[in-house]
Protein backbone atom coordinates (compact mmCIF):
# COMPACT_ATOMS: atom_id res chain seq x y z
CA MET A 1 -88.69 -42.92 5.45
CA GLY A 2 -86.71 -40.42 7.58
CA SER A 3 -85.13 -37.22 6.25
CA LEU A 4 -81.60 -38.70 6.29
CA ALA A 5 -82.75 -41.78 4.42
CA LEU A 6 -84.56 -39.62 1.86
CA ALA A 7 -81.45 -37.50 1.39
CA ALA A 8 -79.32 -40.61 0.89
CA PHE A 9 -81.85 -42.03 -1.57
CA ALA A 10 -81.90 -38.76 -3.51
CA LEU A 11 -78.10 -38.79 -3.69
CA LEU A 12 -78.11 -42.35 -5.03
CA VAL A 13 -80.68 -41.42 -7.65
CA PHE A 14 -78.58 -38.42 -8.68
CA LEU A 15 -75.38 -40.46 -8.90
CA GLY A 16 -77.18 -43.18 -10.82
CA ALA A 17 -78.53 -40.66 -13.29
CA SER A 18 -75.06 -39.16 -13.75
CA HIS A 19 -73.50 -42.55 -14.45
CA ALA A 20 -76.39 -43.50 -16.73
CA GLN A 21 -75.40 -40.67 -19.05
CA LEU A 22 -72.11 -42.43 -19.79
CA LYS A 23 -73.27 -45.26 -21.99
CA ASP A 24 -72.31 -47.35 -24.99
CA ARG A 25 -72.96 -45.70 -28.34
CA PHE A 26 -73.94 -42.39 -26.74
CA TYR A 27 -73.65 -40.66 -30.13
CA ASP A 28 -75.94 -42.93 -32.11
CA ASP A 29 -78.63 -40.27 -32.40
CA VAL A 30 -76.50 -37.17 -33.03
CA CYS A 31 -73.47 -38.62 -34.81
CA PRO A 32 -73.85 -42.36 -35.44
CA GLN A 33 -70.60 -42.55 -37.43
CA ALA A 34 -68.50 -40.90 -34.68
CA GLU A 35 -66.77 -44.00 -33.35
CA SER A 36 -66.11 -45.42 -36.82
CA ILE A 37 -64.56 -42.11 -37.94
CA ILE A 38 -62.20 -42.23 -34.96
CA GLN A 39 -61.39 -45.89 -35.44
CA GLU A 40 -60.62 -45.52 -39.14
CA PHE A 41 -58.38 -42.51 -38.55
CA VAL A 42 -56.45 -44.36 -35.84
CA LYS A 43 -56.14 -47.51 -37.97
CA GLU A 44 -54.78 -45.42 -40.84
CA HIS A 45 -52.17 -43.45 -38.91
CA ILE A 46 -50.98 -45.37 -35.84
CA PRO A 47 -49.26 -48.16 -37.84
CA ASN A 48 -47.04 -45.41 -39.31
CA ALA A 49 -46.19 -44.04 -35.85
CA PRO A 50 -46.72 -46.90 -33.36
CA SER A 51 -44.91 -45.12 -30.50
CA LEU A 52 -47.75 -42.59 -30.52
CA ALA A 53 -50.07 -45.24 -29.07
CA ALA A 54 -48.26 -45.07 -25.73
CA ALA A 55 -48.31 -41.27 -25.83
CA LEU A 56 -52.07 -41.16 -26.44
CA LEU A 57 -52.67 -43.64 -23.62
CA ARG A 58 -50.55 -41.50 -21.30
CA MET A 59 -52.53 -38.44 -22.38
CA GLN A 60 -55.75 -40.01 -21.13
CA PHE A 61 -54.11 -40.97 -17.84
CA HIS A 62 -52.83 -37.43 -17.27
CA ASP A 63 -56.16 -35.90 -18.24
CA CYS A 64 -58.32 -38.10 -16.03
CA PHE A 65 -56.18 -37.62 -12.93
CA VAL A 66 -56.65 -33.84 -13.04
CA MET A 67 -60.23 -32.62 -12.50
CA GLY A 68 -61.56 -35.78 -14.12
CA CYS A 69 -61.74 -37.04 -17.71
CA ASP A 70 -62.80 -33.71 -19.20
CA ALA A 71 -60.08 -32.89 -21.77
CA SER A 72 -58.85 -30.01 -19.61
CA LEU A 73 -55.34 -31.19 -20.50
CA LEU A 74 -55.94 -30.01 -24.08
CA LEU A 75 -56.69 -26.38 -23.23
CA ASN A 76 -54.07 -23.77 -24.09
CA SER A 77 -52.68 -21.37 -21.54
CA THR A 78 -54.00 -17.82 -21.66
CA LYS A 79 -52.61 -14.42 -20.71
CA ASN A 80 -54.03 -14.84 -17.22
CA ASN A 81 -53.69 -18.58 -16.67
CA THR A 82 -51.12 -21.36 -17.10
CA SER A 83 -52.97 -24.49 -18.13
CA GLU A 84 -52.31 -28.18 -17.40
CA LYS A 85 -50.66 -28.56 -20.80
CA ASP A 86 -47.83 -26.25 -19.72
CA SER A 87 -47.26 -27.73 -16.26
CA SER A 88 -44.07 -29.68 -15.61
CA PRO A 89 -45.77 -33.14 -15.41
CA ASN A 90 -47.18 -32.59 -18.91
CA MET A 91 -44.25 -31.05 -20.75
CA SER A 92 -43.42 -34.44 -22.28
CA VAL A 93 -47.03 -35.33 -23.14
CA ARG A 94 -47.51 -35.53 -26.90
CA GLY A 95 -50.25 -36.37 -29.37
CA PHE A 96 -52.14 -33.07 -29.24
CA GLY A 97 -51.97 -32.68 -33.02
CA PHE A 98 -53.41 -36.17 -33.45
CA ILE A 99 -56.40 -35.33 -31.26
CA ASP A 100 -56.91 -32.06 -33.16
CA ALA A 101 -56.92 -33.95 -36.46
CA VAL A 102 -59.56 -36.38 -35.19
CA LYS A 103 -61.64 -33.50 -33.88
CA SER A 104 -61.51 -31.80 -37.29
CA LYS A 105 -62.83 -34.96 -38.95
CA LEU A 106 -65.69 -35.15 -36.48
CA GLU A 107 -66.55 -31.46 -36.81
CA GLU A 108 -66.83 -31.94 -40.58
CA ALA A 109 -69.24 -34.82 -40.10
CA CYS A 110 -71.19 -33.68 -37.02
CA PRO A 111 -70.47 -30.10 -35.93
CA GLY A 112 -70.54 -29.56 -32.18
CA ALA A 113 -71.55 -33.12 -31.34
CA VAL A 114 -68.58 -35.10 -30.05
CA SER A 115 -66.66 -33.98 -26.97
CA CYS A 116 -62.88 -33.79 -26.85
CA ALA A 117 -63.01 -35.84 -23.63
CA ASP A 118 -64.67 -38.73 -25.45
CA ILE A 119 -62.21 -38.36 -28.32
CA ILE A 120 -59.27 -38.82 -25.91
CA ALA A 121 -60.85 -41.93 -24.40
CA LEU A 122 -61.76 -43.54 -27.73
CA VAL A 123 -58.46 -42.69 -29.42
CA ALA A 124 -56.46 -44.15 -26.52
CA ARG A 125 -58.37 -47.44 -26.73
CA ASP A 126 -58.27 -47.65 -30.52
CA ALA A 127 -54.55 -46.81 -30.63
CA ILE A 128 -53.71 -49.65 -28.25
CA VAL A 129 -55.86 -52.04 -30.29
CA ALA A 130 -54.06 -50.87 -33.44
CA ILE A 131 -50.70 -52.04 -32.08
CA GLY A 132 -52.09 -55.42 -31.00
CA GLY A 133 -53.08 -54.54 -27.45
CA PRO A 134 -56.34 -55.27 -25.61
CA TYR A 135 -59.78 -53.91 -26.41
CA TRP A 136 -61.94 -52.43 -23.67
CA LYS A 137 -65.35 -50.81 -23.51
CA VAL A 138 -65.45 -47.03 -23.72
CA PRO A 139 -68.88 -45.77 -22.70
CA THR A 140 -69.33 -42.21 -23.93
CA GLY A 141 -71.18 -39.05 -22.98
CA ARG A 142 -68.35 -37.12 -21.32
CA ARG A 143 -68.47 -33.34 -21.53
CA ASP A 144 -65.49 -31.02 -21.79
CA GLY A 145 -64.29 -28.93 -18.88
CA THR A 146 -63.74 -25.19 -19.12
CA VAL A 147 -61.05 -24.86 -16.44
CA SER A 148 -57.42 -25.98 -16.75
CA LEU A 149 -54.86 -25.23 -14.04
CA ALA A 150 -51.17 -26.06 -14.03
CA SER A 151 -51.30 -26.20 -10.24
CA ALA A 152 -53.95 -28.94 -10.39
CA ALA A 153 -51.70 -31.05 -12.62
CA LEU A 154 -48.79 -30.60 -10.21
CA ALA A 155 -50.98 -31.69 -7.32
CA ASN A 156 -52.63 -34.71 -8.94
CA VAL A 157 -50.50 -36.37 -11.64
CA PRO A 158 -48.54 -39.24 -10.03
CA ALA A 159 -44.83 -38.57 -10.48
CA PRO A 160 -42.37 -41.32 -11.53
CA THR A 161 -40.36 -40.52 -8.39
CA LEU A 162 -43.11 -41.51 -5.93
CA ASN A 163 -42.84 -44.36 -3.42
CA PHE A 164 -45.61 -46.92 -3.03
CA THR A 165 -47.42 -45.15 -0.17
CA SER A 166 -47.68 -41.93 -2.16
CA LEU A 167 -48.72 -43.74 -5.34
CA LYS A 168 -51.41 -45.66 -3.50
CA ALA A 169 -52.76 -42.41 -2.05
CA LYS A 170 -52.82 -40.67 -5.44
CA PHE A 171 -54.79 -43.56 -6.94
CA ALA A 172 -57.13 -43.85 -3.95
CA ASN A 173 -57.96 -40.15 -4.35
CA LYS A 174 -59.39 -41.11 -7.74
CA SER A 175 -61.24 -44.20 -6.43
CA LEU A 176 -58.64 -46.54 -7.92
CA ASP A 177 -57.25 -49.38 -5.79
CA VAL A 178 -53.92 -51.22 -5.58
CA LYS A 179 -54.94 -53.61 -8.33
CA ASP A 180 -55.68 -50.69 -10.63
CA LEU A 181 -52.31 -49.16 -9.73
CA VAL A 182 -50.40 -52.33 -10.61
CA VAL A 183 -52.40 -53.08 -13.74
CA LEU A 184 -52.27 -49.54 -15.13
CA SER A 185 -48.52 -49.39 -14.43
CA GLY A 186 -48.36 -52.21 -16.96
CA ALA A 187 -48.87 -49.55 -19.65
CA HIS A 188 -45.10 -49.12 -19.33
CA THR A 189 -44.82 -52.27 -21.41
CA ILE A 190 -44.88 -49.93 -24.43
CA GLY A 191 -43.38 -46.55 -25.12
CA ILE A 192 -40.25 -44.60 -24.38
CA THR A 193 -38.78 -42.17 -21.88
CA HIS A 194 -35.59 -40.10 -21.66
CA CYS A 195 -32.44 -40.30 -19.58
CA SER A 196 -33.43 -37.17 -17.69
CA PHE A 197 -36.18 -39.17 -15.95
CA VAL A 198 -33.73 -41.76 -14.55
CA SER A 199 -30.56 -39.70 -14.19
CA LYS A 200 -30.99 -39.21 -10.45
CA ARG A 201 -31.38 -42.96 -9.88
CA LEU A 202 -28.17 -43.58 -11.80
CA TYR A 203 -25.93 -40.77 -10.62
CA ASN A 204 -27.17 -38.90 -7.57
CA PHE A 205 -29.94 -40.75 -5.79
CA THR A 206 -29.52 -39.26 -2.30
CA GLY A 207 -27.54 -36.21 -3.34
CA LYS A 208 -24.20 -37.84 -2.60
CA GLY A 209 -23.28 -39.05 -6.08
CA ASP A 210 -24.71 -42.50 -5.42
CA GLN A 211 -26.92 -44.95 -7.29
CA ASP A 212 -30.39 -46.18 -6.31
CA PRO A 213 -29.84 -49.57 -4.61
CA ASP A 214 -33.30 -50.68 -5.79
CA LEU A 215 -32.08 -50.56 -9.40
CA ASP A 216 -30.29 -53.70 -10.58
CA SER A 217 -26.57 -52.84 -10.55
CA LEU A 218 -25.77 -54.61 -13.83
CA TYR A 219 -28.66 -52.91 -15.60
CA ALA A 220 -27.59 -49.55 -14.17
CA ALA A 221 -24.02 -50.10 -15.36
CA ASN A 222 -25.30 -50.94 -18.83
CA LEU A 223 -27.40 -47.79 -18.95
CA LYS A 224 -24.42 -45.67 -17.89
CA GLU A 225 -22.11 -47.23 -20.45
CA TYR A 226 -24.38 -47.32 -23.49
CA LYS A 227 -27.29 -44.94 -22.95
CA CYS A 228 -27.23 -42.31 -20.21
CA LYS A 229 -23.47 -41.67 -20.31
CA THR A 230 -23.57 -38.43 -18.32
CA PRO A 231 -25.84 -37.08 -15.58
CA ALA A 232 -26.69 -34.14 -17.83
CA ASP A 233 -28.07 -36.26 -20.70
CA ASN A 234 -31.60 -35.02 -21.31
CA SER A 235 -32.17 -36.25 -24.83
CA THR A 236 -31.25 -39.93 -25.16
CA ILE A 237 -34.31 -42.13 -25.58
CA LEU A 238 -34.83 -45.22 -23.43
CA GLU A 239 -37.24 -48.06 -24.08
CA MET A 240 -39.61 -48.47 -21.15
CA ASP A 241 -39.65 -52.23 -21.63
CA PRO A 242 -36.36 -53.19 -23.35
CA GLY A 243 -36.73 -56.05 -25.78
CA SER A 244 -40.51 -55.85 -25.83
CA PHE A 245 -41.42 -52.16 -25.95
CA ARG A 246 -43.54 -52.52 -29.08
CA THR A 247 -45.59 -55.42 -27.70
CA PHE A 248 -48.41 -55.02 -25.18
CA ASP A 249 -47.60 -57.90 -22.84
CA THR A 250 -46.49 -58.80 -19.30
CA HIS A 251 -42.76 -58.38 -20.00
CA TYR A 252 -42.77 -55.09 -18.10
CA TYR A 253 -43.52 -57.02 -14.91
CA THR A 254 -40.65 -59.40 -15.66
CA ASN A 255 -38.34 -56.36 -15.71
CA VAL A 256 -39.84 -55.00 -12.49
CA VAL A 257 -39.19 -58.29 -10.67
CA LYS A 258 -35.60 -58.20 -11.95
CA ARG A 259 -35.33 -54.67 -10.49
CA ARG A 260 -35.07 -53.19 -13.96
CA GLY A 261 -38.06 -50.89 -13.89
CA LEU A 262 -36.81 -47.47 -14.97
CA PHE A 263 -38.76 -45.33 -12.53
CA THR A 264 -38.88 -45.30 -8.74
CA SER A 265 -42.63 -45.78 -9.15
CA ASP A 266 -41.93 -49.05 -11.00
CA SER A 267 -39.56 -50.32 -8.31
CA SER A 268 -41.99 -49.36 -5.58
CA LEU A 269 -44.48 -51.99 -6.76
CA LEU A 270 -42.22 -54.62 -5.18
CA THR A 271 -42.31 -52.99 -1.75
CA ASP A 272 -45.93 -53.89 -0.95
CA SER A 273 -47.10 -57.48 -0.47
CA THR A 274 -50.48 -56.94 -2.15
CA SER A 275 -48.92 -55.22 -5.12
CA LYS A 276 -46.26 -57.92 -5.44
CA ALA A 277 -48.95 -60.62 -5.36
CA TYR A 278 -50.73 -59.01 -8.31
CA ILE A 279 -47.45 -58.91 -10.24
CA ASP A 280 -46.81 -62.57 -9.49
CA GLY A 281 -50.33 -63.44 -10.60
CA MET A 282 -49.92 -61.73 -13.92
CA LEU A 283 -46.59 -63.41 -14.53
CA ASP A 284 -47.82 -66.90 -13.68
CA GLY A 285 -51.03 -66.42 -15.66
CA SER A 286 -53.46 -66.72 -12.75
CA ILE A 287 -54.43 -63.10 -13.43
CA ASP A 288 -55.26 -62.14 -17.02
CA PHE A 289 -53.29 -58.92 -17.52
CA LEU A 290 -54.96 -57.89 -20.77
CA LYS A 291 -58.46 -58.38 -19.38
CA GLU A 292 -57.66 -56.59 -16.13
CA PHE A 293 -55.99 -53.73 -17.98
CA GLY A 294 -59.17 -53.16 -19.95
CA LEU A 295 -61.30 -53.20 -16.81
CA SER A 296 -59.03 -50.71 -15.05
CA MET A 297 -59.01 -48.44 -18.10
CA GLU A 298 -62.80 -48.41 -18.18
CA LYS A 299 -62.79 -47.60 -14.47
CA MET A 300 -60.24 -44.82 -14.92
CA GLY A 301 -62.25 -43.41 -17.81
CA ARG A 302 -65.13 -42.69 -15.40
CA ILE A 303 -63.12 -40.53 -12.99
CA GLU A 304 -65.09 -37.38 -12.12
CA VAL A 305 -66.69 -37.22 -15.57
CA LYS A 306 -68.87 -34.28 -16.54
CA THR A 307 -72.17 -35.32 -18.10
CA GLY A 308 -75.58 -33.94 -18.95
CA THR A 309 -75.44 -30.14 -18.81
CA GLU A 310 -72.07 -29.93 -17.07
CA GLY A 311 -69.21 -28.38 -19.00
CA GLU A 312 -69.57 -28.06 -22.77
CA VAL A 313 -68.72 -29.75 -26.07
CA ARG A 314 -65.79 -27.72 -27.36
CA LYS A 315 -65.66 -26.76 -31.02
CA VAL A 316 -61.85 -26.64 -30.85
CA CYS A 317 -60.17 -28.88 -28.30
CA SER A 318 -57.55 -26.32 -27.24
CA LEU A 319 -60.05 -23.51 -26.63
CA VAL A 320 -63.19 -23.05 -24.57
CA ASN A 321 -66.24 -22.05 -26.61
CA SER A 322 -66.69 -18.29 -26.92
């Protein structure tokens, strides 16, 4: 075997070993009750605050897209560094207190055993299940990162203002394809946003006081009359999937096809033939949205994970270990 072939083989062995460390029931030896503790906490609290399920799912998305699924999103800023948490893409992320509460439960049971990165991944899945959404596998063994940079969040988190080409590139940078993009966008079937995120589409799309032509005119008029009554409205809450925002289903795609997706990123899914075909498939039932969502979530949960001796297992999710 030549030197290049040996090098390639060694790389494959290394990558295989890294992936092997993410596995089902990773904590069975060191904290066998870990996943049940998380599940019970979620089952107890999410029914009382169901909108938090969408927030916790979004938290995982924002964490994984920036330096991998390593809970770097949870780290506080310091005197010398502004962290991801305080970057503009993450100012509306919520659920940090929920993750801290889960971490406290796990530290009581198994000090220093369960990573914050795995907590994010398991909580997101269990929260969606708790509101009647799909179940997916969450292999564990992630380690927590020790670096968190606001600039990295700005560079990597896909913005709701992006067109399809830019969205596709952002996802491809994380080894996610067009199918993953369309399927994961379906998370907008639950949750809320604010008028500030759609104000430009309604009132000043090109800077000339105009409206985004890709937004259904009747829907836009309704939003202006009853919800986002002024361009300066930053506080009014909007349902991401009106009429079905508490149900994890394909209704979001129905709205997208009607040109009623709230974000430019939603509308952009209609501008690509491959993307549009996936939408059509999920609406006609030839593609199983719930199954595919679970598969894409498992795929996303493996982005640039730290395993083995990389990173650390934080004692407190907002602080690196001293």
